[in-house]
Amino acid sequence: MKKIISILIKRNITISVAESCTGGMLSSKFTSISGSSKIFKMGLVTYSNESKINILKIPKKTIEKYGAVSVQCCLAMVNNLSKISKSKINIAITGIAGPKGGTRNKPVGLVYIGLKTGKIIKINKFIFKKKGRIPIQKATTEKAIKLIGDFL
């Protein structure tokens, strides 16, 4: 993470995060490193559907039709975070950390991570087979960090 932050600082690239299932874990990875305030603009934990609708302005119909854990919701999250934050890189995370809440179509461990920079948007789908809530949250956070690193 230190390497990512130093690259972002060197290139003068700001980053913001909207998290759901990780509950601020990715934001914490940034803010635990001294100097990150130069590039880390905001970390929103929009855990409830209500906060996704009220803070990130996700259309209620999107959540009703596709669910909070969906490509469509993740896309809306990353797009709207970009408008709010004005950061050069925006990351959105939504998923099911478990142990409950999974279904056949949306199992525990299903996570969407969206990355937006400029007009480029990529929504990544993962199914983490880890057992337990914290391991899924950690795996999701590590994957998000890797996606940021790969992008840079």
C-alpha atoms as a PDB file:
ATOM      1  CA  MET A   1       0.000   0.000   0.000  1.00  0.00           C
ATOM      2  CA  LYS A   2       2.878   2.391   0.742  1.00  0.00           C
ATOM      3  CA  LYS A   3       4.103   1.917  -2.825  1.00  0.00           C
ATOM      4  CA  ILE A   4       0.650   2.714  -4.245  1.00  0.00           C
ATOM      5  CA  ILE A   5       0.368   5.836  -2.108  1.00  0.00           C
ATOM      6  CA  SER A   6       3.828   7.048  -3.131  1.00  0.00           C
ATOM      7  CA  ILE A   7       2.960   6.524  -6.835  1.00  0.00           C
ATOM      8  CA  LEU A   8      -0.320   8.418  -6.382  1.00  0.00           C
ATOM      9  CA  ILE A   9       1.516  11.272  -4.635  1.00  0.00           C
ATOM     10  CA  LYS A  10       4.239  11.373  -7.310  1.00  0.00           C
ATOM     11  CA  ARG A  11       1.653  11.496 -10.093  1.00  0.00           C
ATOM     12  CA  ASN A  12      -0.643  13.841  -8.145  1.00  0.00           C
ATOM     13  CA  ILE A  13      -3.564  11.407  -8.485  1.00  0.00           C
ATOM     14  CA  THR A  14      -6.421  11.563  -5.981  1.00  0.00           C
ATOM     15  CA  ILE A  15      -8.483   8.551  -4.969  1.00  0.00           C
ATOM     16  CA  SER A  16     -11.843   8.023  -3.274  1.00  0.00           C
ATOM     17  CA  VAL A  17     -13.683   4.929  -2.109  1.00  0.00           C
ATOM     18  CA  ALA A  18     -17.323   3.901  -1.589  1.00  0.00           C
ATOM     19  CA  GLU A  19     -17.537   0.699   0.413  1.00  0.00           C
ATOM     20  CA  SER A  20     -20.374  -1.518   1.471  1.00  0.00           C
ATOM     21  CA  CYS A  21     -19.439  -5.075   2.506  1.00  0.00           C
ATOM     22  CA  THR A  22     -15.876  -4.098   3.530  1.00  0.00           C
ATOM     23  CA  GLY A  23     -17.185  -1.530   6.010  1.00  0.00           C
ATOM     24  CA  GLY A  24     -14.313   0.928   5.625  1.00  0.00           C
ATOM     25  CA  MET A  25     -11.483  -1.598   5.528  1.00  0.00           C
ATOM     26  CA  LEU A  26     -10.070  -0.238   2.259  1.00  0.00           C
ATOM     27  CA  SER A  27     -10.312   3.358   3.483  1.00  0.00           C
ATOM     28  CA  SER A  28      -8.508   2.293   6.649  1.00  0.00           C
ATOM     29  CA  LYS A  29      -5.667   0.789   4.581  1.00  0.00           C
ATOM     30  CA  PHE A  30      -5.132   4.214   3.017  1.00  0.00           C
ATOM     31  CA  THR A  31      -5.535   6.331   6.120  1.00  0.00           C
ATOM     32  CA  SER A  32      -3.250   4.140   8.240  1.00  0.00           C
ATOM     33  CA  ILE A  33      -0.290   5.389   6.170  1.00  0.00           C
ATOM     34  CA  SER A  34       1.190   8.779   6.917  1.00  0.00           C
ATOM     35  CA  GLY A  35       0.989  11.187   3.988  1.00  0.00           C
ATOM     36  CA  SER A  36      -2.076   9.567   2.446  1.00  0.00           C
ATOM     37  CA  SER A  37      -4.073  12.766   3.056  1.00  0.00           C
ATOM     38  CA  LYS A  38      -2.287  14.200   0.000  1.00  0.00           C
ATOM     39  CA  ILE A  39      -4.154  11.795  -2.285  1.00  0.00           C
ATOM     40  CA  PHE A  40      -7.011  10.163  -0.344  1.00  0.00           C
ATOM     41  CA  LYS A  41     -10.054  12.421  -0.692  1.00  0.00           C
ATOM     42  CA  MET A  42     -12.857  10.392   0.878  1.00  0.00           C
ATOM     43  CA  GLY A  43     -14.033   7.028   2.037  1.00  0.00           C
ATOM     44  CA  LEU A  44     -17.769   6.492   2.239  1.00  0.00           C
ATOM     45  CA  VAL A  45     -19.245   3.470   3.968  1.00  0.00           C
ATOM     46  CA  THR A  46     -22.654   3.182   2.352  1.00  0.00           C
ATOM     47  CA  TYR A  47     -23.626  -0.039   4.033  1.00  0.00           C
ATOM     48  CA  SER A  48     -27.417   0.213   3.963  1.00  0.00           C
ATOM     49  CA  ASN A  49     -29.556   0.554   0.866  1.00  0.00           C
ATOM     50  CA  GLU A  50     -30.856   3.785   2.372  1.00  0.00           C
ATOM     51  CA  SER A  51     -27.343   5.273   2.470  1.00  0.00           C
ATOM     52  CA  LYS A  52     -26.654   4.115  -1.087  1.00  0.00           C
ATOM     53  CA  ILE A  53     -29.819   5.940  -2.178  1.00  0.00           C
ATOM     54  CA  ASN A  54     -29.399   9.075  -0.030  1.00  0.00           C
ATOM     55  CA  ILE A  55     -25.622   9.603  -0.121  1.00  0.00           C
ATOM     56  CA  LEU A  56     -24.525   8.033  -3.412  1.00  0.00           C
ATOM     57  CA  LYS A  57     -27.827   8.855  -5.163  1.00  0.00           C
ATOM     58  CA  ILE A  58     -28.287   5.285  -6.424  1.00  0.00           C
ATOM     59  CA  PRO A  59     -31.759   5.133  -7.968  1.00  0.00           C
ATOM     60  CA  LYS A  60     -34.075   3.176  -5.662  1.00  0.00           C
ATOM     61  CA  LYS A  61     -35.346   1.354  -8.767  1.00  0.00           C
ATOM     62  CA  THR A  62     -31.823   0.049  -9.491  1.00  0.00           C
ATOM     63  CA  ILE A  63     -31.612  -1.551  -6.054  1.00  0.00           C
ATOM     64  CA  GLU A  64     -35.189  -2.874  -6.229  1.00  0.00           C
ATOM     65  CA  LYS A  65     -34.671  -4.403  -9.686  1.00  0.00           C
ATOM     66  CA  TYR A  66     -31.091  -5.730  -9.458  1.00  0.00           C
ATOM     67  CA  GLY A  67     -30.224  -5.654  -5.738  1.00  0.00           C
ATOM     68  CA  ALA A  68     -27.482  -3.797  -3.883  1.00  0.00           C
ATOM     69  CA  VAL A  69     -25.047  -6.555  -4.845  1.00  0.00           C
ATOM     70  CA  SER A  70     -25.121  -6.263  -8.620  1.00  0.00           C
ATOM     71  CA  VAL A  71     -23.145  -4.929 -11.562  1.00  0.00           C
ATOM     72  CA  GLN A  72     -25.760  -2.199 -11.966  1.00  0.00           C
ATOM     73  CA  CYS A  73     -25.506  -1.008  -8.363  1.00  0.00           C
ATOM     74  CA  CYS A  74     -21.687  -1.108  -8.387  1.00  0.00           C
ATOM     75  CA  LEU A  75     -21.654   0.885 -11.629  1.00  0.00           C
ATOM     76  CA  ALA A  76     -23.989   3.512 -10.162  1.00  0.00           C
ATOM     77  CA  MET A  77     -21.892   3.608  -6.973  1.00  0.00           C
ATOM     78  CA  VAL A  78     -18.601   4.249  -8.791  1.00  0.00           C
ATOM     79  CA  ASN A  79     -20.151   6.749 -11.225  1.00  0.00           C
ATOM     80  CA  ASN A  80     -21.828   8.767  -8.507  1.00  0.00           C
ATOM     81  CA  LEU A  81     -18.792   8.620  -6.206  1.00  0.00           C
ATOM     82  CA  SER A  82     -16.811  10.106  -9.078  1.00  0.00           C
ATOM     83  CA  LYS A  83     -19.271  13.021  -9.323  1.00  0.00           C
ATOM     84  CA  ILE A  84     -19.217  13.617  -5.550  1.00  0.00           C
ATOM     85  CA  SER A  85     -15.471  13.238  -4.956  1.00  0.00           C
ATOM     86  CA  LYS A  86     -13.984  14.652  -8.161  1.00  0.00           C
ATOM     87  CA  SER A  87     -11.111  12.192  -7.591  1.00  0.00           C
ATOM     88  CA  LYS A  88      -9.074  10.900 -10.520  1.00  0.00           C
ATOM     89  CA  ILE A  89      -9.543   7.298  -9.340  1.00  0.00           C
ATOM     90  CA  ASN A  90     -12.763   6.058  -7.740  1.00  0.00           C
ATOM     91  CA  ILE A  91     -13.372   2.609  -6.275  1.00  0.00           C
ATOM     92  CA  ALA A  92     -16.753   1.113  -5.314  1.00  0.00           C
ATOM     93  CA  ILE A  93     -17.225  -2.168  -3.462  1.00  0.00           C
ATOM     94  CA  THR A  94     -20.469  -4.052  -2.881  1.00  0.00           C
ATOM     95  CA  GLY A  95     -20.888  -7.679  -1.919  1.00  0.00           C
ATOM     96  CA  ILE A  96     -22.051 -10.349   0.491  1.00  0.00           C
ATOM     97  CA  ALA A  97     -19.555 -10.990   3.283  1.00  0.00           C
ATOM     98  CA  GLY A  98     -21.779 -13.499   5.076  1.00  0.00           C
ATOM     99  CA  PRO A  99     -22.170 -15.688   6.910  1.00  0.00           C
ATOM    100  CA  LYS A 100     -25.833 -15.056   6.042  1.00  0.00           C
ATOM    101  CA  GLY A 101     -27.458 -13.172   3.184  1.00  0.00           C
ATOM    102  CA  GLY A 102     -26.379 -15.396   0.312  1.00  0.00           C
ATOM    103  CA  THR A 103     -28.699 -17.040  -2.185  1.00  0.00           C
ATOM    104  CA  ARG A 104     -28.206 -19.542  -4.977  1.00  0.00           C
ATOM    105  CA  ASN A 105     -27.785 -16.752  -7.538  1.00  0.00           C
ATOM    106  CA  LYS A 106     -25.852 -14.485  -5.177  1.00  0.00           C
ATOM    107  CA  PRO A 107     -23.763 -16.646  -2.854  1.00  0.00           C
ATOM    108  CA  VAL A 108     -21.858 -15.477   0.203  1.00  0.00           C
ATOM    109  CA  GLY A 109     -18.506 -14.232  -1.108  1.00  0.00           C
ATOM    110  CA  LEU A 110     -19.961 -12.575  -4.229  1.00  0.00           C
ATOM    111  CA  VAL A 111     -18.333  -9.158  -4.582  1.00  0.00           C
ATOM    112  CA  TYR A 112     -18.286  -6.442  -7.236  1.00  0.00           C
ATOM    113  CA  ILE A 113     -15.405  -3.970  -7.302  1.00  0.00           C
ATOM    114  CA  GLY A 114     -15.741  -1.005  -9.642  1.00  0.00           C
ATOM    115  CA  LEU A 115     -12.864   1.224 -10.688  1.00  0.00           C
ATOM    116  CA  LYS A 116     -13.403   4.462 -12.558  1.00  0.00           C
ATOM    117  CA  THR A 117     -10.848   6.881 -13.887  1.00  0.00           C
ATOM    118  CA  GLY A 118     -11.935   9.525 -16.362  1.00  0.00           C
ATOM    119  CA  LYS A 119     -14.265   7.834 -18.833  1.00  0.00           C
ATOM    120  CA  ILE A 120     -12.810   4.369 -18.185  1.00  0.00           C
ATOM    121  CA  ILE A 121     -14.945   2.158 -15.955  1.00  0.00           C
ATOM    122  CA  LYS A 122     -14.311  -1.467 -15.104  1.00  0.00           C
ATOM    123  CA  ILE A 123     -16.615  -3.549 -12.924  1.00  0.00           C
ATOM    124  CA  ASN A 124     -14.959  -6.732 -11.647  1.00  0.00           C
ATOM    125  CA  LYS A 125     -16.923  -9.693 -10.287  1.00  0.00           C
ATOM    126  CA  PHE A 126     -15.378 -12.050  -7.749  1.00  0.00           C
ATOM    127  CA  ILE A 127     -16.612 -14.989  -5.724  1.00  0.00           C
ATOM    128  CA  PHE A 128     -14.418 -15.446  -2.664  1.00  0.00           C
ATOM    129  CA  LYS A 129     -14.600 -18.980  -1.308  1.00  0.00           C
ATOM    130  CA  LYS A 130     -13.083 -18.007   2.041  1.00  0.00           C
ATOM    131  CA  LYS A 131     -14.903 -19.125   5.133  1.00  0.00           C
ATOM    132  CA  GLY A 132     -16.143 -16.354   7.346  1.00  0.00           C
ATOM    133  CA  ARG A 133     -17.004 -12.699   7.161  1.00  0.00           C
ATOM    134  CA  ILE A 134     -13.626 -11.165   8.045  1.00  0.00           C
ATOM    135  CA  PRO A 135     -11.651 -13.350   5.583  1.00  0.00           C
ATOM    136  CA  ILE A 136     -14.047 -12.318   2.773  1.00  0.00           C
ATOM    137  CA  GLN A 137     -13.710  -8.648   3.732  1.00  0.00           C
ATOM    138  CA  LYS A 138      -9.911  -8.949   3.840  1.00  0.00           C
ATOM    139  CA  ALA A 139      -9.765 -10.801   0.504  1.00  0.00           C
ATOM    140  CA  THR A 140     -11.988  -8.139  -1.077  1.00  0.00           C
ATOM    141  CA  THR A 141      -9.809  -5.323   0.279  1.00  0.00           C
ATOM    142  CA  GLU A 142      -6.630  -7.046  -0.954  1.00  0.00           C
ATOM    143  CA  LYS A 143      -8.179  -7.551  -4.395  1.00  0.00           C
ATOM    144  CA  ALA A 144      -9.185  -3.868  -4.573  1.00  0.00           C
ATOM    145  CA  ILE A 145      -5.610  -2.855  -3.668  1.00  0.00           C
ATOM    146  CA  LYS A 146      -4.279  -5.179  -6.374  1.00  0.00           C
ATOM    147  CA  LEU A 147      -6.666  -3.672  -8.959  1.00  0.00           C
ATOM    148  CA  ILE A 148      -5.441  -0.177  -8.041  1.00  0.00           C
ATOM    149  CA  GLY A 149      -1.812  -1.317  -8.262  1.00  0.00           C
ATOM    150  CA  ASP A 150      -2.397  -3.003 -11.641  1.00  0.00           C
ATOM    151  CA  PHE A 151      -4.055   0.135 -12.943  1.00  0.00           C
ATOM    152  CA  LEU A 152      -1.112   2.319 -11.894  1.00  0.00           C
END
